[in-house]
Amino acid sequence: MTHRRQDPDVCGVTAAIAVIEGKWKTTLLWLLESGPHRPAELRRRVPGLTEKVLTQALREMEADGLVDRRVHDVLPPKTEYSLTAFGRDLAGALAPLADWGHRRLDRMTATARPVP
């Protein structure tokens, strides 16, 4: 069975969403837009994200070509993750969706305000 991330016969939007699905990947993509981060930095910046889930998400993102894992040859070992050019392309493609999401949140806030 072909996973929908690799199925050439699915809608392009479905294929893109399959790469970022999950609770943390879009947040990690957003954080990595600002530059390379060590795993411990990412965990501190995302409350509730466990080391196991972070490792799994980063491995999947690396396999999908979105992030690059760089291990520095020092003791103790230092690992950094950064966006690849392909990952930056995805972040750019998601920017209009993020803008739409913020407009939606603004609308929800405006309609939730009590009328004086």
PDB file of N, CA and C in Angstrom:
ATOM      1  N   MET A   1       0.838  -1.177   0.000  1.00  0.00           N
ATOM      2  CA  MET A   1       0.000   0.000   0.000  1.00  0.00           C
ATOM      3  C   MET A   1       0.890   1.250   0.000  1.00  0.00           C
ATOM      4  N   THR A   2       0.578   2.214  -0.868  1.00  0.00           N
ATOM      5  CA  THR A   2       1.334   3.449  -0.967  1.00  0.00           C
ATOM      6  C   THR A   2       0.792   4.455   0.040  1.00  0.00           C
ATOM      7  N   HIS A   3       1.682   5.052   0.791  1.00  0.00           N
ATOM      8  CA  HIS A   3       1.276   6.085   1.741  1.00  0.00           C
ATOM      9  C   HIS A   3       0.891   7.328   0.956  1.00  0.00           C
ATOM     10  N   ARG A   4      -0.079   8.074   1.414  1.00  0.00           N
ATOM     11  CA  ARG A   4      -0.564   9.214   0.640  1.00  0.00           C
ATOM     12  C   ARG A   4       0.483  10.304   0.456  1.00  0.00           C
ATOM     13  N   ARG A   5       1.541  10.320   1.268  1.00  0.00           N
ATOM     14  CA  ARG A   5       2.628  11.274   1.043  1.00  0.00           C
ATOM     15  C   ARG A   5       3.399  10.933  -0.217  1.00  0.00           C
ATOM     16  N   GLN A   6       3.290   9.675  -0.657  1.00  0.00           N
ATOM     17  CA  GLN A   6       4.050   9.215  -1.817  1.00  0.00           C
ATOM     18  C   GLN A   6       3.156   8.839  -2.994  1.00  0.00           C
ATOM     19  N   ASP A   7       1.858   8.946  -2.858  1.00  0.00           N
ATOM     20  CA  ASP A   7       0.921   8.539  -3.898  1.00  0.00           C
ATOM     21  C   ASP A   7       0.785   9.651  -4.940  1.00  0.00           C
ATOM     22  N   PRO A   8       1.207   9.404  -6.187  1.00  0.00           N
ATOM     23  CA  PRO A   8       1.120  10.440  -7.217  1.00  0.00           C
ATOM     24  C   PRO A   8      -0.309  10.722  -7.679  1.00  0.00           C
ATOM     25  N   ASP A   9      -1.275   9.891  -7.264  1.00  0.00           N
ATOM     26  CA  ASP A   9      -2.650  10.053  -7.715  1.00  0.00           C
ATOM     27  C   ASP A   9      -3.548  10.781  -6.722  1.00  0.00           C
ATOM     28  N   VAL A  10      -2.948  11.470  -5.720  1.00  0.00           N
ATOM     29  CA  VAL A  10      -3.770  12.232  -4.781  1.00  0.00           C
ATOM     30  C   VAL A  10      -3.714  13.704  -5.147  1.00  0.00           C
ATOM     31  N   CYS A  11      -4.671  14.437  -4.641  1.00  0.00           N
ATOM     32  CA  CYS A  11      -4.713  15.883  -4.812  1.00  0.00           C
ATOM     33  C   CYS A  11      -3.431  16.492  -4.240  1.00  0.00           C
ATOM     34  N   GLY A  12      -2.901  17.516  -4.873  1.00  0.00           N
ATOM     35  CA  GLY A  12      -1.681  18.164  -4.403  1.00  0.00           C
ATOM     36  C   GLY A  12      -1.806  18.718  -2.999  1.00  0.00           C
ATOM     37  N   VAL A  13      -2.974  19.252  -2.661  1.00  0.00           N
ATOM     38  CA  VAL A  13      -3.183  19.782  -1.315  1.00  0.00           C
ATOM     39  C   VAL A  13      -3.126  18.642  -0.302  1.00  0.00           C
ATOM     40  N   THR A  14      -3.721  17.515  -0.645  1.00  0.00           N
ATOM     41  CA  THR A  14      -3.676  16.349   0.235  1.00  0.00           C
ATOM     42  C   THR A  14      -2.241  15.888   0.441  1.00  0.00           C
ATOM     43  N   ALA A  15      -1.453  15.874  -0.629  1.00  0.00           N
ATOM     44  CA  ALA A  15      -0.050  15.468  -0.531  1.00  0.00           C
ATOM     45  C   ALA A  15       0.733  16.434   0.354  1.00  0.00           C
ATOM     46  N   ALA A  16       0.449  17.723   0.246  1.00  0.00           N
ATOM     47  CA  ALA A  16       1.144  18.720   1.071  1.00  0.00           C
ATOM     48  C   ALA A  16       0.738  18.590   2.530  1.00  0.00           C
ATOM     49  N   ILE A  17      -0.542  18.425   2.786  1.00  0.00           N
ATOM     50  CA  ILE A  17      -1.026  18.301   4.163  1.00  0.00           C
ATOM     51  C   ILE A  17      -0.472  17.034   4.812  1.00  0.00           C
ATOM     52  N   ALA A  18      -0.320  15.975   4.040  1.00  0.00           N
ATOM     53  CA  ALA A  18       0.232  14.734   4.583  1.00  0.00           C
ATOM     54  C   ALA A  18       1.638  14.948   5.133  1.00  0.00           C
ATOM     55  N   VAL A  19       2.383  15.868   4.555  1.00  0.00           N
ATOM     56  CA  VAL A  19       3.756  16.141   5.000  1.00  0.00           C
ATOM     57  C   VAL A  19       3.772  16.939   6.296  1.00  0.00           C
ATOM     58  N   ILE A  20       2.742  17.756   6.533  1.00  0.00           N
ATOM     59  CA  ILE A  20       2.731  18.608   7.730  1.00  0.00           C
ATOM     60  C   ILE A  20       1.697  18.191   8.756  1.00  0.00           C
ATOM     61  N   GLU A  21       1.014  17.068   8.490  1.00  0.00           N
ATOM     62  CA  GLU A  21      -0.018  16.660   9.437  1.00  0.00           C
ATOM     63  C   GLU A  21       0.594  16.280  10.773  1.00  0.00           C
ATOM     64  N   GLY A  22      -0.201  16.399  11.788  1.00  0.00           N
ATOM     65  CA  GLY A  22       0.274  16.131  13.138  1.00  0.00           C
ATOM     66  C   GLY A  22       0.224  17.422  13.939  1.00  0.00           C
ATOM     67  N   LYS A  23       0.362  17.277  15.219  1.00  0.00           N
ATOM     68  CA  LYS A  23       0.184  18.406  16.122  1.00  0.00           C
ATOM     69  C   LYS A  23       1.343  19.398  16.088  1.00  0.00           C
ATOM     70  N   TRP A  24       2.561  18.942  15.785  1.00  0.00           N
ATOM     71  CA  TRP A  24       3.733  19.783  16.016  1.00  0.00           C
ATOM     72  C   TRP A  24       4.483  20.242  14.778  1.00  0.00           C
ATOM     73  N   LYS A  25       4.282  19.618  13.641  1.00  0.00           N
ATOM     74  CA  LYS A  25       5.128  19.907  12.481  1.00  0.00           C
ATOM     75  C   LYS A  25       5.035  21.348  11.998  1.00  0.00           C
ATOM     76  N   THR A  26       3.850  21.922  11.967  1.00  0.00           N
ATOM     77  CA  THR A  26       3.764  23.308  11.512  1.00  0.00           C
ATOM     78  C   THR A  26       4.454  24.246  12.499  1.00  0.00           C
ATOM     79  N   THR A  27       4.353  23.957  13.784  1.00  0.00           N
ATOM     80  CA  THR A  27       5.039  24.766  14.791  1.00  0.00           C
ATOM     81  C   THR A  27       6.548  24.648  14.618  1.00  0.00           C
ATOM     82  N   LEU A  28       7.034  23.441  14.402  1.00  0.00           N
ATOM     83  CA  LEU A  28       8.466  23.241  14.198  1.00  0.00           C
ATOM     84  C   LEU A  28       8.937  23.945  12.923  1.00  0.00           C
ATOM     85  N   LEU A  29       8.157  23.861  11.873  1.00  0.00           N
ATOM     86  CA  LEU A  29       8.480  24.550  10.626  1.00  0.00           C
ATOM     87  C   LEU A  29       8.586  26.051  10.869  1.00  0.00           C
ATOM     88  N   TRP A  30       7.630  26.588  11.603  1.00  0.00           N
ATOM     89  CA  TRP A  30       7.610  28.015  11.922  1.00  0.00           C
ATOM     90  C   TRP A  30       8.844  28.412  12.745  1.00  0.00           C
ATOM     91  N   LEU A  31       9.190  27.623  13.747  1.00  0.00           N
ATOM     92  CA  LEU A  31      10.362  27.924  14.569  1.00  0.00           C
ATOM     93  C   LEU A  31      11.660  27.847  13.768  1.00  0.00           C
ATOM     94  N   LEU A  32      11.761  26.853  12.907  1.00  0.00           N
ATOM     95  CA  LEU A  32      12.987  26.674  12.137  1.00  0.00           C
ATOM     96  C   LEU A  32      13.156  27.718  11.037  1.00  0.00           C
ATOM     97  N   GLU A  33      12.082  28.448  10.725  1.00  0.00           N
ATOM     98  CA  GLU A  33      12.206  29.547   9.756  1.00  0.00           C
ATOM     99  C   GLU A  33      13.190  30.609  10.240  1.00  0.00           C
ATOM    100  N   SER A  34      13.335  30.755  11.551  1.00  0.00           N
ATOM    101  CA  SER A  34      14.213  31.790  12.103  1.00  0.00           C
ATOM    102  C   SER A  34      15.681  31.358  12.107  1.00  0.00           C
ATOM    103  N   GLY A  35      15.967  30.102  11.768  1.00  0.00           N
ATOM    104  CA  GLY A  35      17.343  29.626  11.720  1.00  0.00           C
ATOM    105  C   GLY A  35      17.490  28.297  12.412  1.00  0.00           C
ATOM    106  N   PRO A  36      18.726  27.762  12.416  1.00  0.00           N
ATOM    107  CA  PRO A  36      18.970  26.451  13.020  1.00  0.00           C
ATOM    108  C   PRO A  36      18.665  26.441  14.512  1.00  0.00           C
ATOM    109  N   HIS A  37      18.174  25.305  14.984  1.00  0.00           N
ATOM    110  CA  HIS A  37      17.878  25.113  16.402  1.00  0.00           C
ATOM    111  C   HIS A  37      18.356  23.735  16.838  1.00  0.00           C
ATOM    112  N   ARG A  38      18.804  23.673  18.072  1.00  0.00           N
ATOM    113  CA  ARG A  38      19.118  22.387  18.681  1.00  0.00           C
ATOM    114  C   ARG A  38      17.820  21.780  19.200  1.00  0.00           C
ATOM    115  N   PRO A  39      17.752  20.458  19.299  1.00  0.00           N
ATOM    116  CA  PRO A  39      16.515  19.820  19.768  1.00  0.00           C
ATOM    117  C   PRO A  39      16.050  20.332  21.138  1.00  0.00           C
ATOM    118  N   ALA A  40      16.964  20.536  22.064  1.00  0.00           N
ATOM    119  CA  ALA A  40      16.575  21.022  23.394  1.00  0.00           C
ATOM    120  C   ALA A  40      15.948  22.409  23.316  1.00  0.00           C
ATOM    121  N   GLU A  41      16.447  23.253  22.411  1.00  0.00           N
ATOM    122  CA  GLU A  41      15.856  24.587  22.223  1.00  0.00           C
ATOM    123  C   GLU A  41      14.419  24.462  21.734  1.00  0.00           C
ATOM    124  N   LEU A  42      14.211  23.571  20.776  1.00  0.00           N
ATOM    125  CA  LEU A  42      12.861  23.382  20.232  1.00  0.00           C
ATOM    126  C   LEU A  42      11.909  22.896  21.319  1.00  0.00           C
ATOM    127  N   ARG A  43      12.364  21.959  22.145  1.00  0.00           N
ATOM    128  CA  ARG A  43      11.507  21.448  23.226  1.00  0.00           C
ATOM    129  C   ARG A  43      11.150  22.540  24.212  1.00  0.00           C
ATOM    130  N   ARG A  44      12.107  23.397  24.545  1.00  0.00           N
ATOM    131  CA  ARG A  44      11.826  24.507  25.477  1.00  0.00           C
ATOM    132  C   ARG A  44      10.825  25.493  24.893  1.00  0.00           C
ATOM    133  N   ARG A  45      10.868  25.681  23.592  1.00  0.00           N
ATOM    134  CA  ARG A  45       9.993  26.662  22.951  1.00  0.00           C
ATOM    135  C   ARG A  45       8.587  26.138  22.699  1.00  0.00           C
ATOM    136  N   VAL A  46       8.410  24.811  22.821  1.00  0.00           N
ATOM    137  CA  VAL A  46       7.097  24.204  22.543  1.00  0.00           C
ATOM    138  C   VAL A  46       6.651  23.408  23.764  1.00  0.00           C
ATOM    139  N   PRO A  47       5.943  24.054  24.688  1.00  0.00           N
ATOM    140  CA  PRO A  47       5.464  23.338  25.877  1.00  0.00           C
ATOM    141  C   PRO A  47       4.579  22.154  25.490  1.00  0.00           C
ATOM    142  N   GLY A  48       4.794  21.040  26.162  1.00  0.00           N
ATOM    143  CA  GLY A  48       3.988  19.852  25.900  1.00  0.00           C
ATOM    144  C   GLY A  48       4.584  18.911  24.876  1.00  0.00           C
ATOM    145  N   LEU A  49       5.627  19.348  24.174  1.00  0.00           N
ATOM    146  CA  LEU A  49       6.266  18.499  23.174  1.00  0.00           C
ATOM    147  C   LEU A  49       7.306  17.616  23.856  1.00  0.00           C
ATOM    148  N   THR A  50       7.104  16.307  23.771  1.00  0.00           N
ATOM    149  CA  THR A  50       8.040  15.384  24.413  1.00  0.00           C
ATOM    150  C   THR A  50       9.241  15.136  23.507  1.00  0.00           C
ATOM    151  N   GLU A  51      10.319  14.664  24.109  1.00  0.00           N
ATOM    152  CA  GLU A  51      11.529  14.367  23.336  1.00  0.00           C
ATOM    153  C   GLU A  51      11.256  13.301  22.281  1.00  0.00           C
ATOM    154  N   LYS A  52      10.479  12.289  22.641  1.00  0.00           N
ATOM    155  CA  LYS A  52      10.156  11.202  21.710  1.00  0.00           C
ATOM    156  C   LYS A  52       9.383  11.721  20.498  1.00  0.00           C
ATOM    157  N   VAL A  53       8.365  12.529  20.740  1.00  0.00           N
ATOM    158  CA  VAL A  53       7.546  13.045  19.650  1.00  0.00           C
ATOM    159  C   VAL A  53       8.348  14.037  18.803  1.00  0.00           C
ATOM    160  N   LEU A  54       9.186  14.855  19.453  1.00  0.00           N
ATOM    161  CA  LEU A  54      10.044  15.785  18.710  1.00  0.00           C
ATOM    162  C   LEU A  54      10.966  15.016  17.778  1.00  0.00           C
ATOM    163  N   THR A  55      11.614  13.989  18.291  1.00  0.00           N
ATOM    164  CA  THR A  55      12.532  13.186  17.483  1.00  0.00           C
ATOM    165  C   THR A  55      11.806  12.560  16.306  1.00  0.00           C
ATOM    166  N   GLN A  56      10.619  12.022  16.559  1.00  0.00           N
ATOM    167  CA  GLN A  56       9.837  11.397  15.487  1.00  0.00           C
ATOM    168  C   GLN A  56       9.456  12.427  14.426  1.00  0.00           C
ATOM    169  N   ALA A  57       8.978  13.593  14.847  1.00  0.00           N
ATOM    170  CA  ALA A  57       8.567  14.631  13.897  1.00  0.00           C
ATOM    171  C   ALA A  57       9.761  15.111  13.067  1.00  0.00           C
ATOM    172  N   LEU A  58      10.896  15.353  13.718  1.00  0.00           N
ATOM    173  CA  LEU A  58      12.077  15.816  12.997  1.00  0.00           C
ATOM    174  C   LEU A  58      12.584  14.761  12.015  1.00  0.00           C
ATOM    175  N   ARG A  59      12.537  13.502  12.397  1.00  0.00           N
ATOM    176  CA  ARG A  59      12.955  12.428  11.483  1.00  0.00           C
ATOM    177  C   ARG A  59      12.048  12.365  10.263  1.00  0.00           C
ATOM    178  N   GLU A  60      10.729  12.492  10.487  1.00  0.00           N
ATOM    179  CA  GLU A  60       9.783  12.477   9.366  1.00  0.00           C
ATOM    180  C   GLU A  60      10.008  13.686   8.467  1.00  0.00           C
ATOM    181  N   MET A  61      10.239  14.848   9.077  1.00  0.00           N
ATOM    182  CA  MET A  61      10.473  16.060   8.295  1.00  0.00           C
ATOM    183  C   MET A  61      11.788  15.960   7.515  1.00  0.00           C
ATOM    184  N   GLU A  62      12.780  15.309   8.114  1.00  0.00           N
ATOM    185  CA  GLU A  62      14.048  15.089   7.416  1.00  0.00           C
ATOM    186  C   GLU A  62      13.845  14.139   6.237  1.00  0.00           C
ATOM    187  N   ALA A  63      13.098  13.061   6.453  1.00  0.00           N
ATOM    188  CA  ALA A  63      12.823  12.090   5.393  1.00  0.00           C
ATOM    189  C   ALA A  63      12.046  12.727   4.246  1.00  0.00           C
ATOM    190  N   ASP A  64      11.203  13.717   4.568  1.00  0.00           N
ATOM    191  CA  ASP A  64      10.417  14.415   3.540  1.00  0.00           C
ATOM    192  C   ASP A  64      11.203  15.547   2.886  1.00  0.00           C
ATOM    193  N   GLY A  65      12.449  15.746   3.311  1.00  0.00           N
ATOM    194  CA  GLY A  65      13.289  16.763   2.690  1.00  0.00           C
ATOM    195  C   GLY A  65      13.047  18.177   3.180  1.00  0.00           C
ATOM    196  N   LEU A  66      12.351  18.323   4.317  1.00  0.00           N
ATOM    197  CA  LEU A  66      12.031  19.655   4.832  1.00  0.00           C
ATOM    198  C   LEU A  66      13.106  20.215   5.750  1.00  0.00           C
ATOM    199  N   VAL A  67      13.768  19.332   6.497  1.00  0.00           N
ATOM    200  CA  VAL A  67      14.792  19.787   7.433  1.00  0.00           C
ATOM    201  C   VAL A  67      16.091  19.037   7.185  1.00  0.00           C
ATOM    202  N   ASP A  68      17.154  19.708   7.572  1.00  0.00           N
ATOM    203  CA  ASP A  68      18.489  19.144   7.490  1.00  0.00           C
ATOM    204  C   ASP A  68      18.999  18.951   8.903  1.00  0.00           C
ATOM    205  N   ARG A  69      19.562  17.798   9.169  1.00  0.00           N
ATOM    206  CA  ARG A  69      20.132  17.483  10.481  1.00  0.00           C
ATOM    207  C   ARG A  69      21.642  17.579  10.359  1.00  0.00           C
ATOM    208  N   ARG A  70      22.230  18.415  11.191  1.00  0.00           N
ATOM    209  CA  ARG A  70      23.682  18.599  11.150  1.00  0.00           C
ATOM    210  C   ARG A  70      24.260  18.243  12.514  1.00  0.00           C
ATOM    211  N   VAL A  71      25.186  17.284  12.518  1.00  0.00           N
ATOM    212  CA  VAL A  71      25.848  16.874  13.749  1.00  0.00           C
ATOM    213  C   VAL A  71      27.261  17.449  13.718  1.00  0.00           C
ATOM    214  N   HIS A  72      27.577  18.294  14.694  1.00  0.00           N
ATOM    215  CA  HIS A  72      28.898  18.905  14.788  1.00  0.00           C
ATOM    216  C   HIS A  72      29.842  17.931  15.492  1.00  0.00           C
ATOM    217  N   ASP A  73      31.068  17.876  15.036  1.00  0.00           N
ATOM    218  CA  ASP A  73      32.063  16.947  15.583  1.00  0.00           C
ATOM    219  C   ASP A  73      32.735  17.565  16.806  1.00  0.00           C
ATOM    220  N   VAL A  74      31.975  17.635  17.899  1.00  0.00           N
ATOM    221  CA  VAL A  74      32.479  18.161  19.170  1.00  0.00           C
ATOM    222  C   VAL A  74      31.997  17.228  20.281  1.00  0.00           C
ATOM    223  N   LEU A  75      32.609  17.367  21.439  1.00  0.00           N
ATOM    224  CA  LEU A  75      32.162  16.608  22.607  1.00  0.00           C
ATOM    225  C   LEU A  75      31.644  17.572  23.648  1.00  0.00           C
ATOM    226  N   PRO A  76      30.478  17.383  24.183  1.00  0.00           N
ATOM    227  CA  PRO A  76      29.486  16.385  23.759  1.00  0.00           C
ATOM    228  C   PRO A  76      28.944  16.720  22.371  1.00  0.00           C
ATOM    229  N   PRO A  77      28.392  15.716  21.691  1.00  0.00           N
ATOM    230  CA  PRO A  77      27.880  15.949  20.333  1.00  0.00           C
ATOM    231  C   PRO A  77      26.828  17.060  20.315  1.00  0.00           C
ATOM    232  N   LYS A  78      26.877  17.859  19.276  1.00  0.00           N
ATOM    233  CA  LYS A  78      25.929  18.964  19.112  1.00  0.00           C
ATOM    234  C   LYS A  78      25.183  18.741  17.801  1.00  0.00           C
ATOM    235  N   THR A  79      23.867  18.660  17.891  1.00  0.00           N
ATOM    236  CA  THR A  79      23.024  18.459  16.717  1.00  0.00           C
ATOM    237  C   THR A  79      22.156  19.687  16.510  1.00  0.00           C
ATOM    238  N   GLU A  80      22.057  20.128  15.265  1.00  0.00           N
ATOM    239  CA  GLU A  80      21.192  21.253  14.918  1.00  0.00           C
ATOM    240  C   GLU A  80      20.303  20.858  13.742  1.00  0.00           C
ATOM    241  N   TYR A  81      19.102  21.396  13.758  1.00  0.00           N
ATOM    242  CA  TYR A  81      18.170  21.203  12.654  1.00  0.00           C
ATOM    243  C   TYR A  81      17.899  22.547  12.009  1.00  0.00           C
ATOM    244  N   SER A  82      17.814  22.539  10.689  1.00  0.00           N
ATOM    245  CA  SER A  82      17.495  23.757   9.951  1.00  0.00           C
ATOM    246  C   SER A  82      16.618  23.384   8.761  1.00  0.00           C
ATOM    247  N   LEU A  83      15.944  24.375   8.216  1.00  0.00           N
ATOM    248  CA  LEU A  83      15.107  24.128   7.043  1.00  0.00           C
ATOM    249  C   LEU A  83      15.978  23.982   5.805  1.00  0.00           C
ATOM    250  N   THR A  84      15.593  23.078   4.945  1.00  0.00           N
ATOM    251  CA  THR A  84      16.215  22.962   3.628  1.00  0.00           C
ATOM    252  C   THR A  84      15.546  23.993   2.716  1.00  0.00           C
ATOM    253  N   ALA A  85      16.049  24.137   1.513  1.00  0.00           N
ATOM    254  CA  ALA A  85      15.405  25.020   0.541  1.00  0.00           C
ATOM    255  C   ALA A  85      13.964  24.550   0.287  1.00  0.00           C
ATOM    256  N   PHE A  86      13.767  23.243   0.250  1.00  0.00           N
ATOM    257  CA  PHE A  86      12.430  22.672   0.046  1.00  0.00           C
ATOM    258  C   PHE A  86      11.521  23.011   1.229  1.00  0.00           C
ATOM    259  N   GLY A  87      12.073  22.964   2.436  1.00  0.00           N
ATOM    260  CA  GLY A  87      11.318  23.338   3.629  1.00  0.00           C
ATOM    261  C   GLY A  87      10.957  24.816   3.625  1.00  0.00           C
ATOM    262  N   ARG A  88      11.888  25.660   3.172  1.00  0.00           N
ATOM    263  CA  ARG A  88      11.584  27.099   3.073  1.00  0.00           C
ATOM    264  C   ARG A  88      10.503  27.352   2.029  1.00  0.00           C
ATOM    265  N   ASP A  89      10.538  26.577   0.938  1.00  0.00           N
ATOM    266  CA  ASP A  89       9.469  26.678  -0.067  1.00  0.00           C
ATOM    267  C   ASP A  89       8.114  26.362   0.556  1.00  0.00           C
ATOM    268  N   LEU A  90       8.060  25.310   1.354  1.00  0.00           N
ATOM    269  CA  LEU A  90       6.805  24.941   2.011  1.00  0.00           C
ATOM    270  C   LEU A  90       6.365  26.033   2.971  1.00  0.00           C
ATOM    271  N   ALA A  91       7.290  26.572   3.755  1.00  0.00           N
ATOM    272  CA  ALA A  91       6.950  27.645   4.690  1.00  0.00           C
ATOM    273  C   ALA A  91       6.381  28.841   3.936  1.00  0.00           C
ATOM    274  N   GLY A  92       6.976  29.169   2.799  1.00  0.00           N
ATOM    275  CA  GLY A  92       6.457  30.268   1.979  1.00  0.00           C
ATOM    276  C   GLY A  92       5.071  29.975   1.428  1.00  0.00           C
ATOM    277  N   ALA A  93       4.850  28.725   1.045  1.00  0.00           N
ATOM    278  CA  ALA A  93       3.534  28.339   0.524  1.00  0.00           C
ATOM    279  C   ALA A  93       2.477  28.379   1.616  1.00  0.00           C
ATOM    280  N   LEU A  94       2.870  28.118   2.860  1.00  0.00           N
ATOM    281  CA  LEU A  94       1.923  28.121   3.976  1.00  0.00           C
ATOM    282  C   LEU A  94       1.638  29.528   4.503  1.00  0.00           C
ATOM    283  N   ALA A  95       2.461  30.508   4.158  1.00  0.00           N
ATOM    284  CA  ALA A  95       2.278  31.872   4.678  1.00  0.00           C
ATOM    285  C   ALA A  95       0.881  32.429   4.382  1.00  0.00           C
ATOM    286  N   PRO A  96       0.350  32.311   3.156  1.00  0.00           N
ATOM    287  CA  PRO A  96      -1.014  32.806   2.924  1.00  0.00           C
ATOM    288  C   PRO A  96      -2.063  32.060   3.762  1.00  0.00           C
ATOM    289  N   LEU A  97      -1.843  30.778   3.988  1.00  0.00           N
ATOM    290  CA  LEU A  97      -2.768  30.017   4.829  1.00  0.00           C
ATOM    291  C   LEU A  97      -2.704  30.512   6.270  1.00  0.00           C
ATOM    292  N   ALA A  98      -1.496  30.819   6.742  1.00  0.00           N
ATOM    293  CA  ALA A  98      -1.340  31.367   8.089  1.00  0.00           C
ATOM    294  C   ALA A  98      -2.047  32.722   8.195  1.00  0.00           C
ATOM    295  N   ASP A  99      -1.910  33.552   7.171  1.00  0.00           N
ATOM    296  CA  ASP A  99      -2.595  34.851   7.169  1.00  0.00           C
ATOM    297  C   ASP A  99      -4.107  34.656   7.246  1.00  0.00           C
ATOM    298  N   TRP A 100      -4.622  33.712   6.477  1.00  0.00           N
ATOM    299  CA  TRP A 100      -6.055  33.416   6.510  1.00  0.00           C
ATOM    300  C   TRP A 100      -6.459  32.960   7.909  1.00  0.00           C
ATOM    301  N   GLY A 101      -5.653  32.120   8.518  1.00  0.00           N
ATOM    302  CA  GLY A 101      -5.946  31.640   9.871  1.00  0.00           C
ATOM    303  C   GLY A 101      -6.003  32.776  10.879  1.00  0.00           C
ATOM    304  N   HIS A 102      -5.082  33.735  10.769  1.00  0.00           N
ATOM    305  CA  HIS A 102      -5.108  34.882  11.683  1.00  0.00           C
ATOM    306  C   HIS A 102      -6.362  35.743  11.455  1.00  0.00           C
ATOM    307  N   ARG A 103      -6.754  35.913  10.183  1.00  0.00           N
ATOM    308  CA  ARG A 103      -7.989  36.657   9.904  1.00  0.00           C
ATOM    309  C   ARG A 103      -9.196  35.929  10.499  1.00  0.00           C
ATOM    310  N   ARG A 104      -9.202  34.618  10.409  1.00  0.00           N
ATOM    311  CA  ARG A 104     -10.292  33.826  11.003  1.00  0.00           C
ATOM    312  C   ARG A 104     -10.340  34.027  12.509  1.00  0.00           C
ATOM    313  N   LEU A 105      -9.181  33.971  13.161  1.00  0.00           N
ATOM    314  CA  LEU A 105      -9.136  34.183  14.610  1.00  0.00           C
ATOM    315  C   LEU A 105      -9.625  35.581  14.975  1.00  0.00           C
ATOM    316  N   ASP A 106      -9.231  36.571  14.182  1.00  0.00           N
ATOM    317  CA  ASP A 106      -9.709  37.940  14.422  1.00  0.00           C
ATOM    318  C   ASP A 106     -11.228  38.022  14.299  1.00  0.00           C
ATOM    319  N   ARG A 107     -11.803  37.354  13.303  1.00  0.00           N
ATOM    320  CA  ARG A 107     -13.258  37.339  13.133  1.00  0.00           C
ATOM    321  C   ARG A 107     -13.951  36.677  14.302  1.00  0.00           C
ATOM    322  N   MET A 108     -13.364  35.551  14.763  1.00  0.00           N
ATOM    323  CA  MET A 108     -13.958  34.851  15.896  1.00  0.00           C
ATOM    324  C   MET A 108     -13.925  35.724  17.140  1.00  0.00           C
ATOM    325  N   THR A 109     -12.830  36.434  17.344  1.00  0.00           N
ATOM    326  CA  THR A 109     -12.699  37.314  18.491  1.00  0.00           C
ATOM    327  C   THR A 109     -13.704  38.461  18.398  1.00  0.00           C
ATOM    328  N   ALA A 110     -13.848  39.016  17.189  1.00  0.00           N
ATOM    329  CA  ALA A 110     -14.770  40.129  16.995  1.00  0.00           C
ATOM    330  C   ALA A 110     -16.218  39.711  17.236  1.00  0.00           C
ATOM    331  N   THR A 111     -16.598  38.522  16.812  1.00  0.00           N
ATOM    332  CA  THR A 111     -17.982  38.073  16.997  1.00  0.00           C
ATOM    333  C   THR A 111     -18.243  37.614  18.423  1.00  0.00           C
ATOM    334  N   ALA A 112     -17.184  37.305  19.164  1.00  0.00           N
ATOM    335  CA  ALA A 112     -17.354  36.853  20.554  1.00  0.00           C
ATOM    336  C   ALA A 112     -17.460  38.011  21.535  1.00  0.00           C
ATOM    337  N   ARG A 113     -17.119  39.215  21.081  1.00  0.00           N
ATOM    338  CA  ARG A 113     -17.186  40.378  21.969  1.00  0.00           C
ATOM    339  C   ARG A 113     -18.643  40.711  22.282  1.00  0.00           C
ATOM    340  N   PRO A 114     -18.917  41.004  23.537  1.00  0.00           N
ATOM    341  CA  PRO A 114     -20.298  41.400  23.893  1.00  0.00           C
ATOM    342  C   PRO A 114     -20.623  42.778  23.308  1.00  0.00           C
ATOM    343  N   VAL A 115     -21.847  42.930  22.898  1.00  0.00           N
ATOM    344  CA  VAL A 115     -22.308  44.209  22.360  1.00  0.00           C
ATOM    345  C   VAL A 115     -22.610  45.149  23.518  1.00  0.00           C
ATOM    346  N   PRO A 116     -22.043  46.375  23.502  1.00  0.00           N
ATOM    347  CA  PRO A 116     -22.278  47.305  24.645  1.00  0.00           C
ATOM    348  C   PRO A 116     -23.698  47.786  24.713  1.00  0.00           C
TER     349      PRO A 116
END
